């Protein structure tokens, strides 16, 4: 899923936005470590249209989780002679997500993404699940569970990554908490 967020970030590189909130203020390290475990490193980045914050453990915790990531995009964005509002960003993000994540890779692995609509968060929301299995030279699987939310002129993504499937019951309160800080 991180590839989706990075693709969306690159895709929007010509965008303009104002009043961008720091994603690390939406969920604190203490809140992240309550789910991940102690000892996370904070990785942050931002530009005029996107704020990114990740809390990463050096190795997966006992529950298999390793990363909590928060991404915030703000529109309206100017792109390709168009002005995209948050609903257009949300919709186009899904269009980018599906082809980038589905199919087979050249190392004998598979990746799969599924989405499910989610009500009660923002103007529009969905749950996405991404699984990457690598079979050559070793067998390994990575899991990503995220919630993508459109609210006003903003698109928020909160996700958990690890070597075991993250639990939605752990992710939903985090997404609600992050969303509560947005105007």
N, C-alpha and C. Protein backbone atom coordinates (compact mmCIF):
# COMPACT_ATOMS: atom_id res chain seq x y z
N UNK A 1 0.81 -1.19 0.00
CA UNK A 1 0.00 0.00 0.00
C UNK A 1 0.85 1.25 0.00
N UNK A 2 2.02 1.16 0.63
CA UNK A 2 2.90 2.34 0.63
C UNK A 2 3.18 2.78 -0.80
N UNK A 3 3.25 1.79 -1.73
CA UNK A 3 3.49 2.15 -3.13
C UNK A 3 2.34 2.97 -3.67
N UNK A 4 1.11 2.65 -3.28
CA UNK A 4 -0.04 3.42 -3.72
C UNK A 4 0.07 4.86 -3.25
N UNK A 5 0.37 5.05 -1.98
CA UNK A 5 0.47 6.40 -1.44
C UNK A 5 1.61 7.16 -2.12
N UNK A 6 2.72 6.49 -2.34
CA UNK A 6 3.84 7.15 -3.02
C UNK A 6 3.49 7.48 -4.45
N UNK A 7 2.79 6.56 -5.16
CA UNK A 7 2.34 6.85 -6.52
C UNK A 7 1.41 8.04 -6.55
N UNK A 8 0.47 8.07 -5.61
CA UNK A 8 -0.45 9.19 -5.54
C UNK A 8 0.31 10.48 -5.27
N UNK A 9 1.29 10.42 -4.37
CA UNK A 9 2.10 11.60 -4.07
C UNK A 9 2.86 12.09 -5.28
N UNK A 10 3.47 11.17 -6.03
CA UNK A 10 4.20 11.55 -7.24
C UNK A 10 3.25 12.10 -8.29
N UNK A 11 2.13 11.45 -8.42
CA UNK A 11 1.12 11.85 -9.40
C UNK A 11 0.64 13.26 -9.15
N UNK A 12 0.59 13.65 -7.89
CA UNK A 12 0.11 14.98 -7.52
C UNK A 12 1.24 15.98 -7.34
N UNK A 13 2.40 15.69 -7.88
CA UNK A 13 3.57 16.52 -7.60
C UNK A 13 3.46 17.94 -8.11
N UNK A 14 2.57 18.19 -9.04
CA UNK A 14 2.39 19.55 -9.54
C UNK A 14 1.28 20.30 -8.80
N UNK A 15 0.77 19.69 -7.77
CA UNK A 15 -0.39 20.23 -7.07
C UNK A 15 -0.03 21.41 -6.17
N UNK A 16 -1.05 22.19 -5.86
CA UNK A 16 -0.93 23.31 -4.93
C UNK A 16 -2.00 23.12 -3.85
N UNK A 17 -1.65 23.31 -2.60
CA UNK A 17 -2.61 23.23 -1.50
C UNK A 17 -2.17 24.16 -0.38
N UNK A 18 -3.13 24.55 0.43
CA UNK A 18 -2.81 25.46 1.52
C UNK A 18 -3.20 24.85 2.85
N UNK A 19 -2.57 25.33 3.91
CA UNK A 19 -2.95 24.95 5.27
C UNK A 19 -2.86 23.45 5.52
N UNK A 20 -1.77 22.84 5.16
CA UNK A 20 -1.59 21.41 5.33
C UNK A 20 -1.24 21.09 6.78
N UNK A 21 -1.99 20.19 7.37
CA UNK A 21 -1.75 19.72 8.74
C UNK A 21 -0.62 18.71 8.74
N UNK A 22 0.24 18.75 9.74
CA UNK A 22 1.31 17.77 9.91
C UNK A 22 0.68 16.43 10.30
N UNK A 23 0.89 15.40 9.48
CA UNK A 23 0.29 14.08 9.74
C UNK A 23 0.71 13.50 11.08
N UNK A 24 1.90 13.86 11.57
CA UNK A 24 2.36 13.35 12.86
C UNK A 24 1.58 13.94 14.04
N UNK A 25 0.82 15.00 13.80
CA UNK A 25 -0.03 15.54 14.87
C UNK A 25 -1.39 14.85 14.92
N UNK A 26 -1.72 14.08 13.88
CA UNK A 26 -3.01 13.39 13.83
C UNK A 26 -3.00 12.13 14.68
N UNK A 27 -1.85 11.47 14.75
CA UNK A 27 -1.64 10.32 15.63
C UNK A 27 -0.24 10.44 16.21
N UNK A 28 -0.13 10.45 17.51
CA UNK A 28 1.17 10.62 18.15
C UNK A 28 1.93 9.30 18.21
N UNK A 29 3.19 9.39 18.52
CA UNK A 29 4.02 8.21 18.67
C UNK A 29 3.50 7.33 19.80
N UNK A 30 3.04 7.93 20.88
CA UNK A 30 2.47 7.17 21.99
C UNK A 30 1.25 6.39 21.55
N UNK A 31 0.37 7.02 20.75
CA UNK A 31 -0.83 6.33 20.25
C UNK A 31 -0.44 5.20 19.30
N UNK A 32 0.55 5.44 18.46
CA UNK A 32 1.02 4.40 17.54
C UNK A 32 1.61 3.22 18.31
N UNK A 33 2.42 3.52 19.31
CA UNK A 33 3.08 2.46 20.06
C UNK A 33 2.12 1.68 20.94
N UNK A 34 0.95 2.23 21.24
CA UNK A 34 -0.06 1.47 21.98
C UNK A 34 -0.55 0.29 21.14
N UNK A 35 -0.47 0.40 19.83
CA UNK A 35 -0.88 -0.67 18.93
C UNK A 35 0.33 -1.48 18.44
N UNK A 36 1.40 -0.78 18.06
CA UNK A 36 2.58 -1.44 17.50
C UNK A 36 3.46 -2.12 18.55
N UNK A 37 3.69 -1.41 19.64
CA UNK A 37 4.69 -1.79 20.63
C UNK A 37 5.70 -0.66 20.73
N UNK A 38 6.52 -0.69 21.75
CA UNK A 38 7.48 0.39 22.03
C UNK A 38 8.70 0.33 21.11
N UNK A 39 9.34 1.50 20.95
CA UNK A 39 10.60 1.58 20.25
C UNK A 39 10.51 1.96 18.79
N UNK A 40 9.43 2.62 18.38
CA UNK A 40 9.29 2.99 16.98
C UNK A 40 10.14 4.20 16.62
N UNK A 41 10.54 4.23 15.37
CA UNK A 41 11.25 5.38 14.80
C UNK A 41 10.22 6.19 14.02
N UNK A 42 10.29 7.52 14.13
CA UNK A 42 9.36 8.40 13.41
C UNK A 42 10.00 8.79 12.08
N UNK A 43 9.25 8.58 11.01
CA UNK A 43 9.68 8.98 9.67
C UNK A 43 8.62 9.95 9.17
N UNK A 44 9.04 11.16 8.79
CA UNK A 44 8.06 12.16 8.35
C UNK A 44 8.57 12.88 7.12
N UNK A 45 7.62 13.36 6.33
CA UNK A 45 7.93 14.13 5.15
C UNK A 45 6.69 14.94 4.80
N UNK A 46 6.89 16.06 4.15
CA UNK A 46 5.74 16.84 3.70
C UNK A 46 6.16 17.77 2.57
N UNK A 47 5.18 18.20 1.84
CA UNK A 47 5.35 19.23 0.82
C UNK A 47 4.05 20.03 0.79
N UNK A 48 3.83 20.79 -0.26
CA UNK A 48 2.68 21.69 -0.26
C UNK A 48 1.32 21.00 -0.36
N UNK A 49 1.27 19.75 -0.73
CA UNK A 49 -0.01 19.05 -0.90
C UNK A 49 -0.15 17.79 -0.06
N UNK A 50 0.93 17.28 0.52
CA UNK A 50 0.88 16.02 1.25
C UNK A 50 1.74 16.09 2.51
N UNK A 51 1.22 15.46 3.57
CA UNK A 51 2.00 15.25 4.79
C UNK A 51 2.00 13.76 5.07
N UNK A 52 3.17 13.21 5.36
CA UNK A 52 3.36 11.78 5.57
C UNK A 52 4.01 11.57 6.93
N UNK A 53 3.53 10.59 7.68
CA UNK A 53 4.12 10.25 8.97
C UNK A 53 4.03 8.74 9.14
N UNK A 54 5.17 8.12 9.48
CA UNK A 54 5.18 6.68 9.74
C UNK A 54 5.91 6.42 11.05
N UNK A 55 5.36 5.51 11.82
CA UNK A 55 6.00 5.01 13.03
C UNK A 55 6.41 3.58 12.72
N UNK A 56 7.73 3.32 12.75
CA UNK A 56 8.25 2.02 12.30
C UNK A 56 9.10 1.38 13.39
N UNK A 57 8.77 0.13 13.70
CA UNK A 57 9.59 -0.65 14.62
C UNK A 57 10.78 -1.23 13.86
N UNK A 58 11.92 -1.43 14.51
CA UNK A 58 13.08 -2.00 13.81
C UNK A 58 12.83 -3.42 13.31
N UNK A 59 11.97 -4.15 13.99
CA UNK A 59 11.57 -5.49 13.55
C UNK A 59 10.12 -5.69 14.01
N UNK A 60 9.40 -6.60 13.37
CA UNK A 60 8.00 -6.80 13.74
C UNK A 60 7.84 -7.16 15.22
N UNK A 61 6.79 -6.64 15.82
CA UNK A 61 6.46 -6.94 17.22
C UNK A 61 5.86 -8.35 17.30
N UNK A 62 5.55 -8.76 18.51
CA UNK A 62 5.00 -10.10 18.74
C UNK A 62 3.74 -10.35 17.91
N UNK A 63 2.92 -9.32 17.72
CA UNK A 63 1.70 -9.46 16.93
C UNK A 63 1.93 -9.36 15.43
N UNK A 64 3.19 -9.22 15.02
CA UNK A 64 3.51 -9.18 13.60
C UNK A 64 3.50 -7.79 12.99
N UNK A 65 3.03 -6.77 13.73
CA UNK A 65 2.95 -5.42 13.18
C UNK A 65 4.32 -4.75 13.21
N UNK A 66 4.55 -3.87 12.22
CA UNK A 66 5.82 -3.16 12.18
C UNK A 66 5.67 -1.67 11.88
N UNK A 67 4.63 -1.26 11.15
CA UNK A 67 4.50 0.13 10.73
C UNK A 67 3.06 0.62 10.91
N UNK A 68 2.93 1.84 11.42
CA UNK A 68 1.68 2.60 11.38
C UNK A 68 1.98 3.82 10.55
N UNK A 69 1.20 4.04 9.50
CA UNK A 69 1.46 5.15 8.57
C UNK A 69 0.23 6.01 8.43
N UNK A 70 0.44 7.34 8.40
CA UNK A 70 -0.63 8.32 8.21
C UNK A 70 -0.22 9.22 7.05
N UNK A 71 -1.10 9.35 6.06
CA UNK A 71 -0.89 10.25 4.93
C UNK A 71 -2.08 11.18 4.83
N UNK A 72 -1.80 12.45 4.58
CA UNK A 72 -2.85 13.45 4.42
C UNK A 72 -2.59 14.23 3.15
N UNK A 73 -3.57 14.27 2.27
CA UNK A 73 -3.52 15.05 1.03
C UNK A 73 -4.58 16.13 1.12
N UNK A 74 -4.26 17.33 0.62
CA UNK A 74 -5.22 18.44 0.68
C UNK A 74 -5.41 19.00 -0.73
N UNK A 75 -6.66 19.25 -1.09
CA UNK A 75 -7.00 19.85 -2.38
C UNK A 75 -7.69 21.18 -2.14
N UNK A 76 -8.17 21.87 -3.12
CA UNK A 76 -8.17 21.41 -4.51
C UNK A 76 -6.77 21.46 -5.09
N UNK A 77 -6.54 20.52 -6.01
CA UNK A 77 -5.23 20.39 -6.62
C UNK A 77 -5.32 20.69 -8.11
N UNK A 78 -4.33 21.38 -8.60
CA UNK A 78 -4.23 21.64 -10.04
C UNK A 78 -3.40 20.53 -10.65
N UNK A 79 -3.97 19.83 -11.61
CA UNK A 79 -3.25 18.75 -12.27
C UNK A 79 -3.77 18.58 -13.69
N UNK A 80 -2.84 18.56 -14.65
CA UNK A 80 -3.18 18.30 -16.04
C UNK A 80 -4.32 19.21 -16.53
N UNK A 81 -4.20 20.49 -16.26
CA UNK A 81 -5.19 21.50 -16.65
C UNK A 81 -6.56 21.27 -16.02
N UNK A 82 -6.59 20.56 -14.90
CA UNK A 82 -7.84 20.31 -14.18
C UNK A 82 -7.66 20.74 -12.73
N UNK A 83 -8.77 21.04 -12.10
CA UNK A 83 -8.76 21.27 -10.67
C UNK A 83 -9.48 20.09 -10.03
N UNK A 84 -8.76 19.35 -9.18
CA UNK A 84 -9.33 18.16 -8.55
C UNK A 84 -9.70 18.47 -7.12
N UNK A 85 -10.96 18.22 -6.79
CA UNK A 85 -11.36 18.32 -5.39
C UNK A 85 -11.04 16.99 -4.71
N UNK A 86 -11.33 16.91 -3.42
CA UNK A 86 -10.97 15.71 -2.67
C UNK A 86 -11.70 14.47 -3.18
N UNK A 87 -12.93 14.61 -3.63
CA UNK A 87 -13.66 13.44 -4.14
C UNK A 87 -12.99 12.91 -5.41
N UNK A 88 -12.50 13.80 -6.25
CA UNK A 88 -11.78 13.37 -7.45
C UNK A 88 -10.45 12.72 -7.08
N UNK A 89 -9.75 13.30 -6.08
CA UNK A 89 -8.50 12.68 -5.61
C UNK A 89 -8.76 11.29 -5.08
N UNK A 90 -9.82 11.15 -4.27
CA UNK A 90 -10.19 9.86 -3.68
C UNK A 90 -10.47 8.84 -4.79
N UNK A 91 -11.29 9.23 -5.78
CA UNK A 91 -11.65 8.33 -6.87
C UNK A 91 -10.45 7.98 -7.73
N UNK A 92 -9.63 8.94 -8.06
CA UNK A 92 -8.47 8.66 -8.90
C UNK A 92 -7.43 7.86 -8.14
N UNK A 93 -7.36 8.05 -6.84
CA UNK A 93 -6.45 7.25 -6.04
C UNK A 93 -6.78 5.78 -6.11
N UNK A 94 -8.07 5.45 -6.10
CA UNK A 94 -8.48 4.05 -6.22
C UNK A 94 -8.16 3.50 -7.60
N UNK A 95 -8.32 4.33 -8.63
CA UNK A 95 -7.97 3.89 -9.98
C UNK A 95 -6.49 3.55 -10.07
N UNK A 96 -5.64 4.35 -9.42
CA UNK A 96 -4.21 4.06 -9.40
C UNK A 96 -3.89 2.85 -8.55
N UNK A 97 -4.63 2.68 -7.48
CA UNK A 97 -4.37 1.60 -6.53
C UNK A 97 -4.57 0.22 -7.15
N UNK A 98 -5.66 0.01 -7.84
CA UNK A 98 -5.98 -1.33 -8.34
C UNK A 98 -4.94 -1.89 -9.30
N UNK A 99 -4.58 -1.20 -10.38
CA UNK A 99 -3.61 -1.82 -11.28
C UNK A 99 -2.21 -1.94 -10.69
N UNK A 100 -1.84 -1.04 -9.81
CA UNK A 100 -0.49 -1.08 -9.25
C UNK A 100 -0.31 -2.25 -8.28
N UNK A 101 -1.37 -2.70 -7.65
CA UNK A 101 -1.25 -3.71 -6.61
C UNK A 101 -1.65 -5.11 -7.05
N UNK A 102 -2.42 -5.26 -8.13
CA UNK A 102 -2.90 -6.59 -8.50
C UNK A 102 -1.97 -7.25 -9.51
N UNK A 103 -2.04 -8.54 -9.58
CA UNK A 103 -1.28 -9.28 -10.56
C UNK A 103 -0.11 -10.03 -9.96
N UNK A 104 0.77 -10.48 -10.84
CA UNK A 104 1.95 -11.25 -10.42
C UNK A 104 3.19 -10.42 -10.66
N UNK A 105 4.18 -10.65 -9.82
CA UNK A 105 5.46 -9.99 -10.05
C UNK A 105 6.44 -10.98 -10.66
N UNK A 106 7.62 -10.53 -11.05
CA UNK A 106 8.59 -11.36 -11.73
C UNK A 106 9.34 -12.33 -10.83
N UNK A 107 9.16 -12.25 -9.52
CA UNK A 107 9.89 -13.11 -8.60
C UNK A 107 9.04 -14.29 -8.11
N UNK A 108 8.00 -14.62 -8.84
CA UNK A 108 7.17 -15.74 -8.44
C UNK A 108 6.23 -15.40 -7.31
N UNK A 109 6.03 -14.13 -7.06
CA UNK A 109 5.16 -13.70 -5.98
C UNK A 109 3.83 -13.22 -6.51
N UNK A 110 2.92 -12.99 -5.61
CA UNK A 110 1.63 -12.44 -5.97
C UNK A 110 1.31 -11.28 -5.04
N UNK A 111 0.55 -10.35 -5.54
CA UNK A 111 0.03 -9.31 -4.68
C UNK A 111 -1.44 -9.13 -4.99
N UNK A 112 -2.17 -8.77 -3.98
CA UNK A 112 -3.61 -8.68 -4.09
C UNK A 112 -4.12 -7.53 -3.25
N UNK A 113 -5.07 -6.80 -3.78
CA UNK A 113 -5.70 -5.74 -3.00
C UNK A 113 -7.21 -5.87 -3.10
N UNK A 114 -7.86 -5.70 -1.98
CA UNK A 114 -9.32 -5.69 -1.94
C UNK A 114 -9.76 -4.41 -1.24
N UNK A 115 -10.92 -3.92 -1.62
CA UNK A 115 -11.48 -2.73 -0.98
C UNK A 115 -12.92 -3.01 -0.58
N UNK A 116 -13.33 -2.37 0.51
CA UNK A 116 -14.68 -2.49 1.02
C UNK A 116 -15.15 -1.11 1.45
N UNK A 117 -16.33 -0.66 0.97
CA UNK A 117 -16.83 0.63 1.43
C UNK A 117 -17.01 0.64 2.95
N UNK A 118 -16.83 1.80 3.54
CA UNK A 118 -16.95 1.96 4.99
C UNK A 118 -17.81 3.18 5.26
N UNK A 119 -18.86 3.01 6.03
CA UNK A 119 -19.73 4.15 6.35
C UNK A 119 -19.38 4.70 7.73
N UNK A 120 -19.77 5.94 7.94
CA UNK A 120 -19.60 6.56 9.25
C UNK A 120 -18.30 7.33 9.44
N UNK A 121 -17.48 7.41 8.40
CA UNK A 121 -16.24 8.18 8.48
C UNK A 121 -16.20 9.18 7.32
N UNK A 122 -16.06 10.45 7.64
CA UNK A 122 -15.92 11.48 6.61
C UNK A 122 -17.06 11.49 5.63
N UNK A 123 -16.77 12.01 4.43
CA UNK A 123 -17.77 12.08 3.37
C UNK A 123 -17.86 10.77 2.60
N UNK A 124 -16.74 10.08 2.55
CA UNK A 124 -16.65 8.78 1.86
C UNK A 124 -15.44 8.06 2.43
N UNK A 125 -15.54 6.75 2.58
CA UNK A 125 -14.42 6.00 3.14
C UNK A 125 -14.44 4.56 2.63
N UNK A 126 -13.27 3.94 2.70
CA UNK A 126 -13.18 2.53 2.36
C UNK A 126 -12.05 1.90 3.16
N UNK A 127 -12.17 0.59 3.28
CA UNK A 127 -11.12 -0.22 3.90
C UNK A 127 -10.38 -0.89 2.75
N UNK A 128 -9.06 -0.88 2.79
CA UNK A 128 -8.30 -1.63 1.80
C UNK A 128 -7.40 -2.62 2.50
N UNK A 129 -7.27 -3.77 1.87
CA UNK A 129 -6.39 -4.83 2.37
C UNK A 129 -5.45 -5.19 1.23
N UNK A 130 -4.17 -5.20 1.53
CA UNK A 130 -3.15 -5.51 0.53
C UNK A 130 -2.28 -6.63 1.08
N UNK A 131 -2.06 -7.66 0.27
CA UNK A 131 -1.20 -8.78 0.65
C UNK A 131 -0.18 -8.99 -0.45
N UNK A 132 1.08 -9.08 -0.06
CA UNK A 132 2.16 -9.36 -0.98
C UNK A 132 2.83 -10.64 -0.53
N UNK A 133 2.86 -11.63 -1.41
CA UNK A 133 3.51 -12.90 -1.13
C UNK A 133 4.67 -13.08 -2.10
N UNK A 134 5.83 -13.35 -1.55
CA UNK A 134 7.02 -13.57 -2.35
C UNK A 134 7.42 -15.03 -2.18
N UNK A 135 7.58 -15.75 -3.28
CA UNK A 135 7.85 -17.19 -3.20
C UNK A 135 9.25 -17.57 -3.64
N UNK A 136 10.01 -16.64 -4.16
CA UNK A 136 11.33 -16.98 -4.67
C UNK A 136 12.30 -15.85 -4.35
N UNK A 137 13.34 -16.03 -3.61
CA UNK A 137 13.96 -17.28 -3.20
C UNK A 137 13.41 -17.83 -1.89
N UNK A 138 12.67 -17.05 -1.11
CA UNK A 138 12.08 -17.54 0.14
C UNK A 138 10.59 -17.29 0.11
N UNK A 139 9.90 -17.91 1.01
CA UNK A 139 8.48 -17.66 1.13
C UNK A 139 8.27 -16.62 2.23
N UNK A 140 7.65 -15.51 1.88
CA UNK A 140 7.37 -14.45 2.85
C UNK A 140 6.09 -13.74 2.43
N UNK A 141 5.36 -13.25 3.39
CA UNK A 141 4.13 -12.52 3.12
C UNK A 141 4.12 -11.26 3.96
N UNK A 142 3.72 -10.15 3.34
CA UNK A 142 3.55 -8.88 4.04
C UNK A 142 2.09 -8.46 3.89
N UNK A 143 1.56 -7.88 4.93
CA UNK A 143 0.15 -7.49 4.97
C UNK A 143 0.03 -6.00 5.25
N UNK A 144 -0.96 -5.38 4.63
CA UNK A 144 -1.26 -3.98 4.86
C UNK A 144 -2.77 -3.86 4.97
N UNK A 145 -3.22 -3.15 5.99
CA UNK A 145 -4.63 -2.87 6.18
C UNK A 145 -4.76 -1.38 6.36
N UNK A 146 -5.63 -0.76 5.60
CA UNK A 146 -5.75 0.68 5.69
C UNK A 146 -7.18 1.16 5.56
N UNK A 147 -7.37 2.39 5.98
CA UNK A 147 -8.64 3.08 5.79
C UNK A 147 -8.33 4.37 5.05
N UNK A 148 -9.03 4.58 3.95
CA UNK A 148 -8.90 5.78 3.13
C UNK A 148 -10.17 6.58 3.30
N UNK A 149 -10.05 7.87 3.67
CA UNK A 149 -11.20 8.70 3.98
C UNK A 149 -11.13 10.01 3.21
N UNK A 150 -12.24 10.42 2.65
CA UNK A 150 -12.38 11.74 2.05
C UNK A 150 -13.22 12.58 3.02
N UNK A 151 -12.68 13.74 3.42
CA UNK A 151 -13.41 14.63 4.31
C UNK A 151 -13.14 16.07 3.88
N UNK A 152 -14.20 16.76 3.48
CA UNK A 152 -14.02 18.13 3.01
C UNK A 152 -13.05 18.16 1.84
N UNK A 153 -12.01 18.97 1.94
CA UNK A 153 -11.02 19.07 0.87
C UNK A 153 -9.79 18.22 1.14
N UNK A 154 -9.93 17.20 1.98
CA UNK A 154 -8.79 16.38 2.39
C UNK A 154 -9.04 14.89 2.16
N UNK A 155 -7.95 14.17 1.88
CA UNK A 155 -7.99 12.71 1.79
C UNK A 155 -6.97 12.18 2.79
N UNK A 156 -7.43 11.33 3.69
CA UNK A 156 -6.62 10.78 4.77
C UNK A 156 -6.49 9.27 4.58
N UNK A 157 -5.28 8.75 4.73
CA UNK A 157 -5.04 7.31 4.72
C UNK A 157 -4.32 6.95 6.01
N UNK A 158 -4.86 5.97 6.74
CA UNK A 158 -4.23 5.44 7.95
C UNK A 158 -4.09 3.95 7.73
N UNK A 159 -2.87 3.42 7.94
CA UNK A 159 -2.67 2.00 7.65
C UNK A 159 -1.67 1.35 8.59
N UNK A 160 -1.86 0.05 8.75
CA UNK A 160 -0.97 -0.80 9.55
C UNK A 160 -0.34 -1.83 8.62
N UNK A 161 0.96 -2.04 8.78
CA UNK A 161 1.69 -3.02 7.98
C UNK A 161 2.37 -4.02 8.90
N UNK A 162 2.52 -5.24 8.42
CA UNK A 162 3.24 -6.23 9.20
C UNK A 162 3.37 -7.57 8.51
N UNK A 163 3.91 -8.53 9.24
CA UNK A 163 4.10 -9.88 8.73
C UNK A 163 2.93 -10.79 9.05
N UNK A 164 1.96 -10.28 9.80
CA UNK A 164 0.70 -10.97 10.04
C UNK A 164 -0.41 -9.99 9.72
N UNK A 165 -1.59 -10.48 9.34
CA UNK A 165 -2.67 -9.56 8.98
C UNK A 165 -3.06 -8.65 10.15
N UNK A 166 -3.00 -7.32 9.94
CA UNK A 166 -3.46 -6.40 10.98
C UNK A 166 -4.96 -6.56 11.22
N UNK A 167 -5.40 -6.16 12.38
CA UNK A 167 -6.81 -6.29 12.75
C UNK A 167 -7.52 -4.96 12.58
N UNK A 168 -8.70 -5.03 11.95
CA UNK A 168 -9.51 -3.84 11.73
C UNK A 168 -9.90 -3.19 13.05
N UNK A 169 -10.13 -4.00 14.10
CA UNK A 169 -10.51 -3.45 15.40
C UNK A 169 -9.39 -2.58 15.98
N UNK A 170 -8.14 -2.79 15.58
CA UNK A 170 -7.03 -1.94 16.01
C UNK A 170 -6.91 -0.68 15.15
N UNK A 171 -7.28 -0.80 13.88
CA UNK A 171 -7.11 0.31 12.95
C UNK A 171 -8.23 1.34 13.02
N UNK A 172 -9.47 0.90 13.17
CA UNK A 172 -10.60 1.84 13.14
C UNK A 172 -10.49 2.95 14.19
N UNK A 173 -10.15 2.65 15.45
CA UNK A 173 -10.02 3.76 16.41
C UNK A 173 -8.91 4.75 16.03
N UNK A 174 -7.84 4.25 15.43
CA UNK A 174 -6.76 5.14 15.00
C UNK A 174 -7.24 6.06 13.88
N UNK A 175 -7.96 5.52 12.92
CA UNK A 175 -8.48 6.34 11.82
C UNK A 175 -9.46 7.38 12.35
N UNK A 176 -10.33 6.97 13.27
CA UNK A 176 -11.29 7.93 13.86
C UNK A 176 -10.56 9.03 14.63
N UNK A 177 -9.53 8.67 15.36
CA UNK A 177 -8.76 9.65 16.13
C UNK A 177 -8.09 10.65 15.19
N UNK A 178 -7.42 10.14 14.16
CA UNK A 178 -6.76 11.03 13.18
C UNK A 178 -7.77 11.94 12.50
N UNK A 179 -8.89 11.37 12.12
CA UNK A 179 -9.94 12.15 11.44
C UNK A 179 -10.51 13.22 12.35
N UNK A 180 -10.57 12.95 13.65
CA UNK A 180 -11.15 13.93 14.59
C UNK A 180 -10.35 15.23 14.65
N UNK A 181 -9.08 15.20 14.26
CA UNK A 181 -8.24 16.40 14.29
C UNK A 181 -8.38 17.25 13.04
N UNK A 182 -9.04 16.73 12.01
CA UNK A 182 -9.18 17.48 10.78
C UNK A 182 -10.40 18.41 10.85
N UNK A 183 -10.26 19.61 10.27
CA UNK A 183 -11.40 20.54 10.28
C UNK A 183 -12.55 20.04 9.42
